Every structure is written in structure tokens, then in C-alpha cells.
């Protein structure tokens, strides 16, 4: 699960990050993708309750569909093994998210963490103290370094986290490794990775 859509390539070739304010907002300006095309400015901010429906959409977008397979039906979000990542988000200790919005205020990506428990484990569960991270970026905004920055900002607040990634999603695996996630175990075509355990 929690299989995300990272930026393609090696990230942006030029970016300027202005300091984050107390609310966790950071502005990315002067951003260009590897191929040199200009990219519109975006803002990164801490989640608000009104972002929760968008987090559900990003949860759906994070489900990796292997080549040749049909997309998951939307009803997959009602599956307890998927829904527990966001059900009553904000009510569990440690629930946190970062949202990216474009110049018009439209949400284009999000990353979130939740501490799962031994009684209700997630796909990337390692312990009750290590939150699992989920992340997705809208298709039209991928390849711009947004996914990487969302994870970096969340890591500032949660230096230890885990995830599960489909082994066939080599772009995602490459992103996670480049940030510092290391594999823990592989089962059934997916690998659990963790960061901050050193």
C-alpha cells in the first residue's frame, strides 16, 4: 500500500526555498524541471481539517497500479486495510500532513503520517512508535520535485517513518532511497522501507 508517485528524473535543477514560517508554510520559486521547462510556483503548508477530502483523493492516487492492470475501483477506499490510513484523520496522536498548493490555491499534492498499532497494522508497519507515511501528487504536477519536498518537510517533524512500496515502482523506490529510506523486508512484491533508525 502507501505506494506513491514520486517526481521523475533527478529532481529540480534550480530551486529557491524561502524559510518556513511558524505554520509550516514554505514557498518554492524559480523551480525548473530537469528538462528546463519553467514550473509554476507552489506553496507547502501544514494540513487543515478542510484538507481531509483531498487527503482521501491522494490516498486513492497513491495506490500503485501495475502495468497492464485496471485501476482500482473507488470502493477500495472503504477496504479497512486502506481506509485505516485516514479514517478520522487528526483524532489519533501523531496524525500529521503536509499539503502543496499552486498559485491559484488548488491542492496538487500531499504527504501524511499516521502511527499504526500492533492491533491494526499497515502495510509498512514496523512498530507503534514509527509512523507510516503516505504521499501522492496529482499527475499534472509530477516531475517537479513536489513529492520530494513534501517528504522532506514531514521528515523535519517526524525523523523516523516507514512505508511500503511496490517493487515494480522503480521511480518511487529510487526517490525513497535518495532521501535515505532503507529496505527492511520484501514480501509478495512489496518492500517495507524505513528512515531514521540509525
Protein backbone atom coordinates (compact mmCIF):
# COMPACT_ATOMS: atom_id res chain seq x y z
CA UNK A 1 0.00 0.00 0.00
CA UNK A 2 1.23 3.52 0.50
CA UNK A 3 2.84 3.28 -2.90
CA UNK A 4 3.36 6.78 -4.13
CA UNK A 5 4.06 8.72 -7.26
CA UNK A 6 7.44 10.45 -6.93
CA UNK A 7 8.90 13.05 -9.26
CA UNK A 8 10.60 11.56 -12.30
CA UNK A 9 14.24 12.19 -13.08
CA UNK A 10 16.67 13.55 -10.53
CA UNK A 11 14.55 16.39 -9.23
CA UNK A 12 14.61 20.08 -10.00
CA UNK A 13 17.74 21.65 -11.41
CA UNK A 14 17.15 25.03 -9.76
CA UNK A 15 15.03 25.92 -6.80
CA UNK A 16 14.95 28.52 -4.10
CA UNK A 17 13.30 27.66 -0.82
CA UNK A 18 12.25 30.57 1.33
CA UNK A 19 12.27 29.86 5.08
CA UNK A 20 9.22 28.16 6.51
CA UNK A 21 7.03 30.21 8.81
CA UNK A 22 5.62 29.00 12.11
CA UNK A 23 2.64 27.45 10.34
CA UNK A 24 4.92 25.20 8.30
CA UNK A 25 4.48 27.08 5.02
CA UNK A 26 7.36 27.14 2.56
CA UNK A 27 7.42 28.67 -0.89
CA UNK A 28 9.15 27.07 -3.85
CA UNK A 29 10.05 29.60 -6.54
CA UNK A 30 12.32 29.65 -9.55
CA UNK A 31 11.74 25.95 -9.94
CA UNK A 32 12.62 24.26 -13.20
CA UNK A 33 12.35 20.59 -14.01
CA UNK A 34 15.36 18.68 -15.36
CA UNK A 35 14.35 19.37 -18.94
CA UNK A 36 14.45 23.12 -18.25
CA UNK A 37 10.75 23.91 -18.60
CA UNK A 38 9.59 26.55 -16.13
CA UNK A 39 7.25 25.33 -13.44
CA UNK A 40 4.65 27.46 -11.66
CA UNK A 41 5.40 28.44 -8.05
CA UNK A 42 3.83 26.35 -5.31
CA UNK A 43 3.37 26.65 -1.55
CA UNK A 44 3.78 23.95 1.08
CA UNK A 45 1.71 24.20 4.24
CA UNK A 46 0.64 22.14 7.21
CA UNK A 47 -2.71 20.41 6.76
CA UNK A 48 -6.03 21.80 7.95
CA UNK A 49 -9.26 19.88 8.61
CA UNK A 50 -10.69 21.05 5.29
CA UNK A 51 -7.84 19.21 3.51
CA UNK A 52 -9.07 15.78 4.62
CA UNK A 53 -11.19 15.08 1.49
CA UNK A 54 -8.11 15.89 -0.62
CA UNK A 55 -6.02 13.52 1.50
CA UNK A 56 -8.53 10.77 0.65
CA UNK A 57 -8.11 11.57 -3.05
CA UNK A 58 -4.34 11.41 -2.66
CA UNK A 59 -4.67 8.09 -0.83
CA UNK A 60 -6.51 6.75 -3.86
CA UNK A 61 -3.88 8.20 -6.22
CA UNK A 62 -1.11 6.61 -4.13
CA UNK A 63 -2.30 3.07 -4.91
CA UNK A 64 0.18 1.78 -7.48
CA UNK A 65 -1.41 0.11 -10.49
CA UNK A 66 0.93 -2.32 -12.17
CA UNK A 67 1.35 -2.12 -15.93
CA UNK A 68 -1.46 -3.84 -17.78
CA UNK A 69 -3.80 -3.86 -14.80
CA UNK A 70 -7.02 -1.88 -14.44
CA UNK A 71 -7.13 0.97 -11.89
CA UNK A 72 -8.61 0.12 -8.51
CA UNK A 73 -12.33 0.86 -8.13
CA UNK A 74 -13.02 3.84 -5.88
CA UNK A 75 -14.64 1.45 -3.45
CA UNK A 76 -11.14 0.31 -2.44
CA UNK A 77 -11.11 3.33 -0.12
CA UNK A 78 -13.73 1.54 2.00
CA UNK A 79 -11.49 -1.51 2.42
CA UNK A 80 -10.39 -1.48 6.10
CA UNK A 81 -6.77 -2.18 5.07
CA UNK A 82 -6.80 1.06 3.08
CA UNK A 83 -9.28 3.20 4.99
CA UNK A 84 -7.45 2.96 8.31
CA UNK A 85 -4.74 5.28 6.97
CA UNK A 86 -7.13 8.26 7.02
CA UNK A 87 -10.28 7.33 8.94
CA UNK A 88 -10.95 10.11 11.47
CA UNK A 89 -7.66 11.73 10.49
CA UNK A 90 -6.49 14.14 13.16
CA UNK A 91 -8.02 12.15 16.00
CA UNK A 92 -5.00 9.89 16.58
CA UNK A 93 -1.88 11.11 18.33
CA UNK A 94 0.79 11.84 15.73
CA UNK A 95 -1.56 12.32 12.75
CA UNK A 96 0.11 14.93 10.55
CA UNK A 97 0.17 16.02 6.91
CA UNK A 98 1.77 18.49 4.56
CA UNK A 99 -0.12 19.88 1.56
CA UNK A 100 1.17 21.52 -1.61
CA UNK A 101 -0.96 24.17 -3.34
CA UNK A 102 -0.33 26.03 -6.58
CA UNK A 103 -0.61 29.78 -7.23
CA UNK A 104 -4.38 29.56 -7.61
CA UNK A 105 -4.73 27.78 -4.26
CA UNK A 106 -5.51 24.41 -5.86
CA UNK A 107 -4.13 21.46 -3.93
CA UNK A 108 -1.70 19.47 -6.07
CA UNK A 109 -0.10 17.02 -3.64
CA UNK A 110 0.06 15.82 -0.06
CA UNK A 111 2.01 13.59 2.28
CA UNK A 112 0.66 12.33 5.59
CA UNK A 113 1.76 10.19 8.52
CA UNK A 114 -0.17 8.03 10.95
CA UNK A 115 1.00 5.76 13.74
CA UNK A 116 -0.48 2.34 13.21
CA UNK A 117 -0.68 -0.18 16.05
CA UNK A 118 0.13 -3.84 16.51
CA UNK A 119 -3.63 -4.41 16.71
CA UNK A 120 -4.21 -2.63 13.37
CA UNK A 121 -1.04 -2.80 11.32
CA UNK A 122 -0.47 -1.07 7.99
CA UNK A 123 1.42 -2.47 5.01
CA UNK A 124 4.62 -0.75 6.14
CA UNK A 125 4.14 -1.24 9.88
CA UNK A 126 7.28 -1.67 11.99
CA UNK A 127 6.22 -0.54 15.47
CA UNK A 128 3.65 1.58 17.26
CA UNK A 129 6.23 4.36 17.63
CA UNK A 130 7.16 4.65 13.93
CA UNK A 131 4.51 6.37 11.80
CA UNK A 132 3.79 5.20 8.26
CA UNK A 133 3.94 7.81 5.55
CA UNK A 134 1.69 8.08 2.52
CA UNK A 135 2.14 10.52 -0.36
CA UNK A 136 0.82 11.37 -3.80
CA UNK A 137 0.99 14.23 -6.29
CA UNK A 138 -1.58 14.97 -8.98
CA UNK A 139 -0.49 13.64 -12.36
CA UNK A 140 -0.33 17.15 -13.86
CA UNK A 141 2.15 18.26 -11.19
CA UNK A 142 4.51 15.28 -11.09
CA UNK A 143 8.16 15.53 -12.08
CA UNK A 144 8.65 18.90 -10.42
CA UNK A 145 10.19 17.90 -7.10
CA UNK A 146 6.94 18.33 -5.18
CA UNK A 147 6.83 14.79 -3.79
CA UNK A 148 10.42 15.01 -2.59
CA UNK A 149 9.80 18.33 -0.84
CA UNK A 150 6.61 17.07 0.83
CA UNK A 151 8.57 14.17 2.31
CA UNK A 152 11.49 16.37 3.34
CA UNK A 153 9.20 18.75 5.23
CA UNK A 154 7.42 15.90 7.03
CA UNK A 155 10.77 14.35 7.92
CA UNK A 156 11.72 17.57 9.69
CA UNK A 157 8.80 16.94 12.06
CA UNK A 158 8.89 13.12 12.06
CA UNK A 159 12.50 11.99 11.60
CA UNK A 160 11.55 8.31 11.82
CA UNK A 161 8.96 6.86 9.46
CA UNK A 162 8.26 3.77 7.41
CA UNK A 163 6.45 2.93 4.20
CA UNK A 164 5.63 0.10 1.84
CA UNK A 165 6.37 0.33 -1.88
CA UNK A 166 5.61 -1.92 -4.83
CA UNK A 167 8.92 -3.29 -6.12
CA UNK A 168 7.83 -2.58 -9.71
CA UNK A 169 7.52 1.14 -8.95
CA UNK A 170 11.22 1.76 -9.53
CA UNK A 171 10.79 5.55 -9.62
CA UNK A 172 9.31 5.56 -6.12
CA UNK A 173 11.96 3.17 -4.81
CA UNK A 174 14.67 5.44 -6.23
CA UNK A 175 13.14 8.53 -4.62
CA UNK A 176 12.89 6.90 -1.21
CA UNK A 177 16.45 5.60 -1.35
CA UNK A 178 17.75 9.03 -2.40
CA UNK A 179 16.07 10.60 0.64
CA UNK A 180 17.57 7.99 2.97
CA UNK A 181 14.95 5.25 3.33
CA UNK A 182 16.47 1.79 3.57
CA UNK A 183 14.77 -1.56 2.89
CA UNK A 184 13.78 -3.70 5.87
CA UNK A 185 11.98 -6.63 4.25
CA UNK A 186 10.35 -7.65 0.98
CA UNK A 187 7.20 -9.75 0.88
CA UNK A 188 4.92 -10.53 -2.05
CA UNK A 189 6.38 -7.95 -4.43
CA UNK A 190 6.42 -5.06 -1.97
CA UNK A 191 9.23 -3.73 0.22
CA UNK A 192 8.95 -2.10 3.62
CA UNK A 193 11.42 0.77 4.00
CA UNK A 194 12.35 2.95 6.96
CA UNK A 195 14.29 6.12 7.69
CA UNK A 196 15.73 7.42 10.97
CA UNK A 197 16.61 4.12 12.60
CA UNK A 198 20.41 4.67 12.79
